[in-house]
Structures are given as structure tokens and as C-alpha cells.
Amino acid sequence: MLIENSSKYLLKKTRAKSKMFEYDVPIDEHISVESNAIELLLIAIGVIGNTSNELWNLKDAPLNVSEDSKKELEFSSVLF
């Protein structure tokens, strides 16, 4: 599973930071976000790629996605 607690925490902080820009909070009052926030984008793209590969390799209909993959895709959808 690509998404772990630290990724979820980093996503929450990143979303909070984006809301501060959205509501024109002065920069000096913004929360700090870790410098590795860009990794969220890479994780989300990896999740989409892994799930796409999983679906591609299924031979029979219906195409079922595992519960872990569903949770990871939900994480990616929140990010995008």
C-alpha cells in the first residue's frame, strides 16, 4: 500500500495551506508545510498507475478493484 499515515497527514496540511491562499490569509500567518509535499503528487500518480496496471491485467469481467486500491484512489482524487 502506497498511502500511509504520514502521506495522509501531509495531504491534510497541504490542503490547509491551499485554503490559506484561497482565503487570502496573510503569508506571515500561514502554516508551514514540509518540503517533501511534492512527493504527494508522485504517490498519487503511482497509485493511479498501479491501479491501471491491476485493471489492465484482469482478464474477466467484471473488473473489480481491491479495497486497498479503492482507498488509495480516493486519496489521489482528493489530491487532484
PDB file of N, CA and C in Angstrom:
ATOM      1  N   MET A   1       0.841  -1.179   0.000  1.00  0.00           N
ATOM      2  CA  MET A   1       0.000   0.000   0.000  1.00  0.00           C
ATOM      3  C   MET A   1       0.888   1.244   0.000  1.00  0.00           C
ATOM      4  N   LEU A   2       0.650   2.121  -0.954  1.00  0.00           N
ATOM      5  CA  LEU A   2       1.462   3.327  -1.080  1.00  0.00           C
ATOM      6  C   LEU A   2       1.093   4.410  -0.080  1.00  0.00           C
ATOM      7  N   ILE A   3      -0.182   4.464   0.286  1.00  0.00           N
ATOM      8  CA  ILE A   3      -0.657   5.542   1.144  1.00  0.00           C
ATOM      9  C   ILE A   3      -0.559   5.098   2.601  1.00  0.00           C
ATOM     10  N   GLU A   4       0.195   5.845   3.380  1.00  0.00           N
ATOM     11  CA  GLU A   4       0.337   5.545   4.806  1.00  0.00           C
ATOM     12  C   GLU A   4      -0.063   6.772   5.600  1.00  0.00           C
ATOM     13  N   ASN A   5      -0.003   6.665   6.914  1.00  0.00           N
ATOM     14  CA  ASN A   5      -0.448   7.761   7.781  1.00  0.00           C
ATOM     15  C   ASN A   5       0.301   9.058   7.516  1.00  0.00           C
ATOM     16  N   SER A   6       1.597   8.971   7.262  1.00  0.00           N
ATOM     17  CA  SER A   6       2.355  10.199   7.017  1.00  0.00           C
ATOM     18  C   SER A   6       1.892  10.894   5.740  1.00  0.00           C
ATOM     19  N   SER A   7       1.527  10.124   4.723  1.00  0.00           N
ATOM     20  CA  SER A   7       1.007  10.713   3.480  1.00  0.00           C
ATOM     21  C   SER A   7      -0.343  11.384   3.720  1.00  0.00           C
ATOM     22  N   LYS A   8      -1.186  10.740   4.513  1.00  0.00           N
ATOM     23  CA  LYS A   8      -2.493  11.329   4.816  1.00  0.00           C
ATOM     24  C   LYS A   8      -2.327  12.629   5.602  1.00  0.00           C
ATOM     25  N   TYR A   9      -1.403  12.630   6.554  1.00  0.00           N
ATOM     26  CA  TYR A   9      -1.144  13.826   7.352  1.00  0.00           C
ATOM     27  C   TYR A   9      -0.614  14.959   6.466  1.00  0.00           C
ATOM     28  N   LEU A  10       0.316  14.625   5.576  1.00  0.00           N
ATOM     29  CA  LEU A  10       0.883  15.624   4.680  1.00  0.00           C
ATOM     30  C   LEU A  10      -0.181  16.184   3.743  1.00  0.00           C
ATOM     31  N   LEU A  11      -1.099  15.346   3.300  1.00  0.00           N
ATOM     32  CA  LEU A  11      -2.199  15.816   2.448  1.00  0.00           C
ATOM     33  C   LEU A  11      -3.078  16.805   3.209  1.00  0.00           C
ATOM     34  N   LYS A  12      -3.380  16.514   4.464  1.00  0.00           N
ATOM     35  CA  LYS A  12      -4.204  17.429   5.260  1.00  0.00           C
ATOM     36  C   LYS A  12      -3.518  18.782   5.417  1.00  0.00           C
ATOM     37  N   LYS A  13      -2.225  18.765   5.693  1.00  0.00           N
ATOM     38  CA  LYS A  13      -1.502  20.030   5.848  1.00  0.00           C
ATOM     39  C   LYS A  13      -1.448  20.800   4.534  1.00  0.00           C
ATOM     40  N   THR A  14      -1.249  20.103   3.442  1.00  0.00           N
ATOM     41  CA  THR A  14      -1.179  20.741   2.129  1.00  0.00           C
ATOM     42  C   THR A  14      -2.520  21.365   1.762  1.00  0.00           C
ATOM     43  N   ARG A  15      -3.598  20.668   2.051  1.00  0.00           N
ATOM     44  CA  ARG A  15      -4.931  21.217   1.768  1.00  0.00           C
ATOM     45  C   ARG A  15      -5.220  22.434   2.648  1.00  0.00           C
ATOM     46  N   ALA A  16      -4.783  22.377   3.909  1.00  0.00           N
ATOM     47  CA  ALA A  16      -4.976  23.522   4.798  1.00  0.00           C
ATOM     48  C   ALA A  16      -4.205  24.732   4.282  1.00  0.00           C
ATOM     49  N   LYS A  17      -2.986  24.493   3.796  1.00  0.00           N
ATOM     50  CA  LYS A  17      -2.166  25.578   3.248  1.00  0.00           C
ATOM     51  C   LYS A  17      -2.852  26.186   2.018  1.00  0.00           C
ATOM     52  N   SER A  18      -3.404  25.335   1.155  1.00  0.00           N
ATOM     53  CA  SER A  18      -4.064  25.858  -0.046  1.00  0.00           C
ATOM     54  C   SER A  18      -5.296  26.687   0.318  1.00  0.00           C
ATOM     55  N   LYS A  19      -5.990  26.296   1.378  1.00  0.00           N
ATOM     56  CA  LYS A  19      -7.141  27.084   1.838  1.00  0.00           C
ATOM     57  C   LYS A  19      -6.697  28.459   2.330  1.00  0.00           C
ATOM     58  N   MET A  20      -5.506  28.526   2.920  1.00  0.00           N
ATOM     59  CA  MET A  20      -4.999  29.815   3.382  1.00  0.00           C
ATOM     60  C   MET A  20      -4.773  30.759   2.206  1.00  0.00           C
ATOM     61  N   PHE A  21      -4.284  30.220   1.093  1.00  0.00           N
ATOM     62  CA  PHE A  21      -4.144  31.045  -0.114  1.00  0.00           C
ATOM     63  C   PHE A  21      -5.521  31.431  -0.645  1.00  0.00           C
ATOM     64  N   GLU A  22      -6.441  30.477  -0.634  1.00  0.00           N
ATOM     65  CA  GLU A  22      -7.782  30.717  -1.156  1.00  0.00           C
ATOM     66  C   GLU A  22      -8.494  31.837  -0.400  1.00  0.00           C
ATOM     67  N   TYR A  23      -8.314  31.883   0.906  1.00  0.00           N
ATOM     68  CA  TYR A  23      -8.994  32.888   1.730  1.00  0.00           C
ATOM     69  C   TYR A  23      -8.128  34.106   2.024  1.00  0.00           C
ATOM     70  N   ASP A  24      -7.062  34.277   1.274  1.00  0.00           N
ATOM     71  CA  ASP A  24      -6.189  35.451   1.385  1.00  0.00           C
ATOM     72  C   ASP A  24      -5.675  35.707   2.807  1.00  0.00           C
ATOM     73  N   VAL A  25      -5.300  34.636   3.477  1.00  0.00           N
ATOM     74  CA  VAL A  25      -4.675  34.767   4.794  1.00  0.00           C
ATOM     75  C   VAL A  25      -3.280  35.344   4.562  1.00  0.00           C
ATOM     76  N   PRO A  26      -2.881  36.327   5.351  1.00  0.00           N
ATOM     77  CA  PRO A  26      -1.539  36.903   5.173  1.00  0.00           C
ATOM     78  C   PRO A  26      -0.454  35.826   5.260  1.00  0.00           C
ATOM     79  N   ILE A  27       0.542  35.930   4.405  1.00  0.00           N
ATOM     80  CA  ILE A  27       1.600  34.925   4.303  1.00  0.00           C
ATOM     81  C   ILE A  27       2.274  34.673   5.643  1.00  0.00           C
ATOM     82  N   ASP A  28       2.476  35.700   6.429  1.00  0.00           N
ATOM     83  CA  ASP A  28       3.167  35.515   7.705  1.00  0.00           C
ATOM     84  C   ASP A  28       2.341  34.716   8.721  1.00  0.00           C
ATOM     85  N   GLU A  29       1.066  34.486   8.430  1.00  0.00           N
ATOM     86  CA  GLU A  29       0.205  33.684   9.305  1.00  0.00           C
ATOM     87  C   GLU A  29      -0.026  32.274   8.773  1.00  0.00           C
ATOM     88  N   HIS A  30       0.575  31.941   7.641  1.00  0.00           N
ATOM     89  CA  HIS A  30       0.420  30.609   7.055  1.00  0.00           C
ATOM     90  C   HIS A  30       1.124  29.560   7.891  1.00  0.00           C
ATOM     91  N   ILE A  31       0.567  28.343   7.844  1.00  0.00           N
ATOM     92  CA  ILE A  31       1.245  27.222   8.481  1.00  0.00           C
ATOM     93  C   ILE A  31       2.415  26.799   7.601  1.00  0.00           C
ATOM     94  N   SER A  32       3.361  26.135   8.187  1.00  0.00           N
ATOM     95  CA  SER A  32       4.477  25.630   7.386  1.00  0.00           C
ATOM     96  C   SER A  32       4.146  24.218   6.911  1.00  0.00           C
ATOM     97  N   VAL A  33       4.577  23.918   5.708  1.00  0.00           N
ATOM     98  CA  VAL A  33       4.373  22.593   5.121  1.00  0.00           C
ATOM     99  C   VAL A  33       5.744  22.014   4.821  1.00  0.00           C
ATOM    100  N   GLU A  34       5.888  20.743   5.099  1.00  0.00           N
ATOM    101  CA  GLU A  34       7.165  20.080   4.861  1.00  0.00           C
ATOM    102  C   GLU A  34       7.587  20.228   3.408  1.00  0.00           C
ATOM    103  N   SER A  35       8.880  20.227   3.199  1.00  0.00           N
ATOM    104  CA  SER A  35       9.407  20.424   1.847  1.00  0.00           C
ATOM    105  C   SER A  35       9.154  19.228   0.936  1.00  0.00           C
ATOM    106  N   ASN A  36       8.787  18.088   1.490  1.00  0.00           N
ATOM    107  CA  ASN A  36       8.559  16.908   0.659  1.00  0.00           C
ATOM    108  C   ASN A  36       7.100  16.770   0.221  1.00  0.00           C
ATOM    109  N   ALA A  37       6.350  17.871   0.261  1.00  0.00           N
ATOM    110  CA  ALA A  37       4.946  17.827  -0.146  1.00  0.00           C
ATOM    111  C   ALA A  37       4.789  17.426  -1.612  1.00  0.00           C
ATOM    112  N   ILE A  38       5.794  17.697  -2.432  1.00  0.00           N
ATOM    113  CA  ILE A  38       5.726  17.307  -3.848  1.00  0.00           C
ATOM    114  C   ILE A  38       5.636  15.788  -4.005  1.00  0.00           C
ATOM    115  N   GLU A  39       6.085  15.066  -2.996  1.00  0.00           N
ATOM    116  CA  GLU A  39       6.006  13.604  -3.047  1.00  0.00           C
ATOM    117  C   GLU A  39       4.561  13.127  -3.116  1.00  0.00           C
ATOM    118  N   LEU A  40       3.631  13.918  -2.599  1.00  0.00           N
ATOM    119  CA  LEU A  40       2.216  13.551  -2.686  1.00  0.00           C
ATOM    120  C   LEU A  40       1.778  13.386  -4.136  1.00  0.00           C
ATOM    121  N   LEU A  41       2.239  14.286  -4.978  1.00  0.00           N
ATOM    122  CA  LEU A  41       1.904  14.193  -6.394  1.00  0.00           C
ATOM    123  C   LEU A  41       2.446  12.902  -6.992  1.00  0.00           C
ATOM    124  N   LEU A  42       3.679  12.577  -6.664  1.00  0.00           N
ATOM    125  CA  LEU A  42       4.286  11.353  -7.187  1.00  0.00           C
ATOM    126  C   LEU A  42       3.576  10.106  -6.662  1.00  0.00           C
ATOM    127  N   ILE A  43       3.183  10.131  -5.391  1.00  0.00           N
ATOM    128  CA  ILE A  43       2.455   8.997  -4.816  1.00  0.00           C
ATOM    129  C   ILE A  43       1.106   8.841  -5.510  1.00  0.00           C
ATOM    130  N   ALA A  44       0.401   9.945  -5.718  1.00  0.00           N
ATOM    131  CA  ALA A  44      -0.912   9.888  -6.358  1.00  0.00           C
ATOM    132  C   ALA A  44      -0.808   9.352  -7.785  1.00  0.00           C
ATOM    133  N   ILE A  45       0.193   9.788  -8.519  1.00  0.00           N
ATOM    134  CA  ILE A  45       0.391   9.291  -9.882  1.00  0.00           C
ATOM    135  C   ILE A  45       0.741   7.804  -9.846  1.00  0.00           C
ATOM    136  N   GLY A  46       1.559   7.401  -8.878  1.00  0.00           N
ATOM    137  CA  GLY A  46       1.907   5.989  -8.733  1.00  0.00           C
ATOM    138  C   GLY A  46       0.696   5.123  -8.433  1.00  0.00           C
ATOM    139  N   VAL A  47      -0.194   5.624  -7.588  1.00  0.00           N
ATOM    140  CA  VAL A  47      -1.424   4.898  -7.254  1.00  0.00           C
ATOM    141  C   VAL A  47      -2.267   4.691  -8.503  1.00  0.00           C
ATOM    142  N   ILE A  48      -2.428   5.743  -9.275  1.00  0.00           N
ATOM    143  CA  ILE A  48      -3.233   5.644 -10.500  1.00  0.00           C
ATOM    144  C   ILE A  48      -2.594   4.653 -11.471  1.00  0.00           C
ATOM    145  N   GLY A  49      -1.276   4.707 -11.585  1.00  0.00           N
ATOM    146  CA  GLY A  49      -0.575   3.766 -12.465  1.00  0.00           C
ATOM    147  C   GLY A  49      -0.703   2.334 -11.999  1.00  0.00           C
ATOM    148  N   ASN A  50      -0.537   2.099 -10.703  1.00  0.00           N
ATOM    149  CA  ASN A  50      -0.647   0.736 -10.168  1.00  0.00           C
ATOM    150  C   ASN A  50      -2.046   0.166 -10.356  1.00  0.00           C
ATOM    151  N   THR A  51      -3.054   0.982 -10.085  1.00  0.00           N
ATOM    152  CA  THR A  51      -4.433   0.516 -10.237  1.00  0.00           C
ATOM    153  C   THR A  51      -4.762   0.285 -11.707  1.00  0.00           C
ATOM    154  N   SER A  52      -4.274   1.148 -12.573  1.00  0.00           N
ATOM    155  CA  SER A  52      -4.487   0.955 -14.019  1.00  0.00           C
ATOM    156  C   SER A  52      -3.859  -0.356 -14.481  1.00  0.00           C
ATOM    157  N   ASN A  53      -2.659  -0.638 -13.989  1.00  0.00           N
ATOM    158  CA  ASN A  53      -1.984  -1.884 -14.345  1.00  0.00           C
ATOM    159  C   ASN A  53      -2.753  -3.091 -13.816  1.00  0.00           C
ATOM    160  N   GLU A  54      -3.258  -2.976 -12.592  1.00  0.00           N
ATOM    161  CA  GLU A  54      -4.060  -4.053 -12.000  1.00  0.00           C
ATOM    162  C   GLU A  54      -5.292  -4.338 -12.854  1.00  0.00           C
ATOM    163  N   LEU A  55      -5.973  -3.278 -13.295  1.00  0.00           N
ATOM    164  CA  LEU A  55      -7.161  -3.445 -14.137  1.00  0.00           C
ATOM    165  C   LEU A  55      -6.802  -3.992 -15.513  1.00  0.00           C
ATOM    166  N   TRP A  56      -5.686  -3.547 -16.052  1.00  0.00           N
ATOM    167  CA  TRP A  56      -5.253  -3.997 -17.371  1.00  0.00           C
ATOM    168  C   TRP A  56      -4.992  -5.502 -17.381  1.00  0.00           C
ATOM    169  N   ASN A  57      -4.465  -6.015 -16.272  1.00  0.00           N
ATOM    170  CA  ASN A  57      -4.114  -7.430 -16.200  1.00  0.00           C
ATOM    171  C   ASN A  57      -5.291  -8.348 -15.898  1.00  0.00           C
ATOM    172  N   LEU A  58      -6.450  -7.781 -15.540  1.00  0.00           N
ATOM    173  CA  LEU A  58      -7.630  -8.610 -15.306  1.00  0.00           C
ATOM    174  C   LEU A  58      -8.169  -9.098 -16.639  1.00  0.00           C
ATOM    175  N   LYS A  59      -8.496 -10.363 -16.683  1.00  0.00           N
ATOM    176  CA  LYS A  59      -8.945 -10.961 -17.942  1.00  0.00           C
ATOM    177  C   LYS A  59     -10.463 -11.067 -18.054  1.00  0.00           C
ATOM    178  N   ASP A  60     -11.126 -11.238 -16.927  1.00  0.00           N
ATOM    179  CA  ASP A  60     -12.561 -11.490 -16.947  1.00  0.00           C
ATOM    180  C   ASP A  60     -13.356 -10.315 -16.398  1.00  0.00           C
ATOM    181  N   ALA A  61     -14.537 -10.114 -16.963  1.00  0.00           N
ATOM    182  CA  ALA A  61     -15.453  -9.110 -16.436  1.00  0.00           C
ATOM    183  C   ALA A  61     -16.204  -9.737 -15.269  1.00  0.00           C
ATOM    184  N   PRO A  62     -16.632  -9.027 -14.312  1.00  0.00           N
ATOM    185  CA  PRO A  62     -16.460  -7.591 -14.112  1.00  0.00           C
ATOM    186  C   PRO A  62     -15.075  -7.274 -13.569  1.00  0.00           C
ATOM    187  N   LEU A  63     -14.640  -6.078 -13.849  1.00  0.00           N
ATOM    188  CA  LEU A  63     -13.342  -5.621 -13.372  1.00  0.00           C
ATOM    189  C   LEU A  63     -13.500  -5.119 -11.940  1.00  0.00           C
ATOM    190  N   ASN A  64     -12.968  -5.867 -11.010  1.00  0.00           N
ATOM    191  CA  ASN A  64     -13.082  -5.497  -9.593  1.00  0.00           C
ATOM    192  C   ASN A  64     -11.752  -4.960  -9.088  1.00  0.00           C
ATOM    193  N   VAL A  65     -11.840  -3.889  -8.328  1.00  0.00           N
ATOM    194  CA  VAL A  65     -10.664  -3.266  -7.740  1.00  0.00           C
ATOM    195  C   VAL A  65     -10.659  -3.614  -6.254  1.00  0.00           C
ATOM    196  N   SER A  66      -9.501  -3.921  -5.722  1.00  0.00           N
ATOM    197  CA  SER A  66      -9.394  -4.276  -4.306  1.00  0.00           C
ATOM    198  C   SER A  66      -9.758  -3.090  -3.417  1.00  0.00           C
ATOM    199  N   GLU A  67     -10.098  -3.378  -2.176  1.00  0.00           N
ATOM    200  CA  GLU A  67     -10.460  -2.324  -1.222  1.00  0.00           C
ATOM    201  C   GLU A  67      -9.287  -1.379  -0.975  1.00  0.00           C
ATOM    202  N   ASP A  68      -8.068  -1.923  -0.898  1.00  0.00           N
ATOM    203  CA  ASP A  68      -6.891  -1.073  -0.722  1.00  0.00           C
ATOM    204  C   ASP A  68      -6.733  -0.110  -1.887  1.00  0.00           C
ATOM    205  N   SER A  69      -6.934  -0.619  -3.096  1.00  0.00           N
ATOM    206  CA  SER A  69      -6.816   0.234  -4.278  1.00  0.00           C
ATOM    207  C   SER A  69      -7.883   1.320  -4.282  1.00  0.00           C
ATOM    208  N   LYS A  70      -9.075   0.988  -3.831  1.00  0.00           N
ATOM    209  CA  LYS A  70     -10.149   1.984  -3.769  1.00  0.00           C
ATOM    210  C   LYS A  70      -9.778   3.115  -2.813  1.00  0.00           C
ATOM    211  N   LYS A  71      -9.226   2.754  -1.657  1.00  0.00           N
ATOM    212  CA  LYS A  71      -8.822   3.773  -0.680  1.00  0.00           C
ATOM    213  C   LYS A  71      -7.698   4.646  -1.226  1.00  0.00           C
ATOM    214  N   GLU A  72      -6.758   4.016  -1.928  1.00  0.00           N
ATOM    215  CA  GLU A  72      -5.655   4.780  -2.499  1.00  0.00           C
ATOM    216  C   GLU A  72      -6.143   5.698  -3.613  1.00  0.00           C
ATOM    217  N   LEU A  73      -7.089   5.226  -4.419  1.00  0.00           N
ATOM    218  CA  LEU A  73      -7.652   6.073  -5.474  1.00  0.00           C
ATOM    219  C   LEU A  73      -8.428   7.246  -4.879  1.00  0.00           C
ATOM    220  N   GLU A  74      -9.092   7.011  -3.763  1.00  0.00           N
ATOM    221  CA  GLU A  74      -9.800   8.100  -3.089  1.00  0.00           C
ATOM    222  C   GLU A  74      -8.804   9.171  -2.624  1.00  0.00           C
ATOM    223  N   PHE A  75      -7.682   8.739  -2.092  1.00  0.00           N
ATOM    224  CA  PHE A  75      -6.613   9.672  -1.689  1.00  0.00           C
ATOM    225  C   PHE A  75      -6.163  10.501  -2.888  1.00  0.00           C
ATOM    226  N   SER A  76      -5.940   9.824  -4.015  1.00  0.00           N
ATOM    227  CA  SER A  76      -5.481  10.525  -5.225  1.00  0.00           C
ATOM    228  C   SER A  76      -6.539  11.507  -5.715  1.00  0.00           C
ATOM    229  N   SER A  77      -7.790  11.120  -5.651  1.00  0.00           N
ATOM    230  CA  SER A  77      -8.848  12.021  -6.120  1.00  0.00           C
ATOM    231  C   SER A  77      -8.945  13.265  -5.239  1.00  0.00           C
ATOM    232  N   VAL A  78      -8.724  13.109  -3.935  1.00  0.00           N
ATOM    233  CA  VAL A  78      -8.749  14.269  -3.034  1.00  0.00           C
ATOM    234  C   VAL A  78      -7.599  15.213  -3.373  1.00  0.00           C
ATOM    235  N   LEU A  79      -6.448  14.648  -3.686  1.00  0.00           N
ATOM    236  CA  LEU A  79      -5.291  15.478  -4.019  1.00  0.00           C
ATOM    237  C   LEU A  79      -5.545  16.287  -5.287  1.00  0.00           C
ATOM    238  N   PHE A  80      -6.102  15.621  -6.311  1.00  0.00           N
ATOM    239  CA  PHE A  80      -6.317  16.325  -7.583  1.00  0.00           C
ATOM    240  C   PHE A  80      -7.589  17.133  -7.554  1.00  0.00           C
TER     241      PHE A  80
END
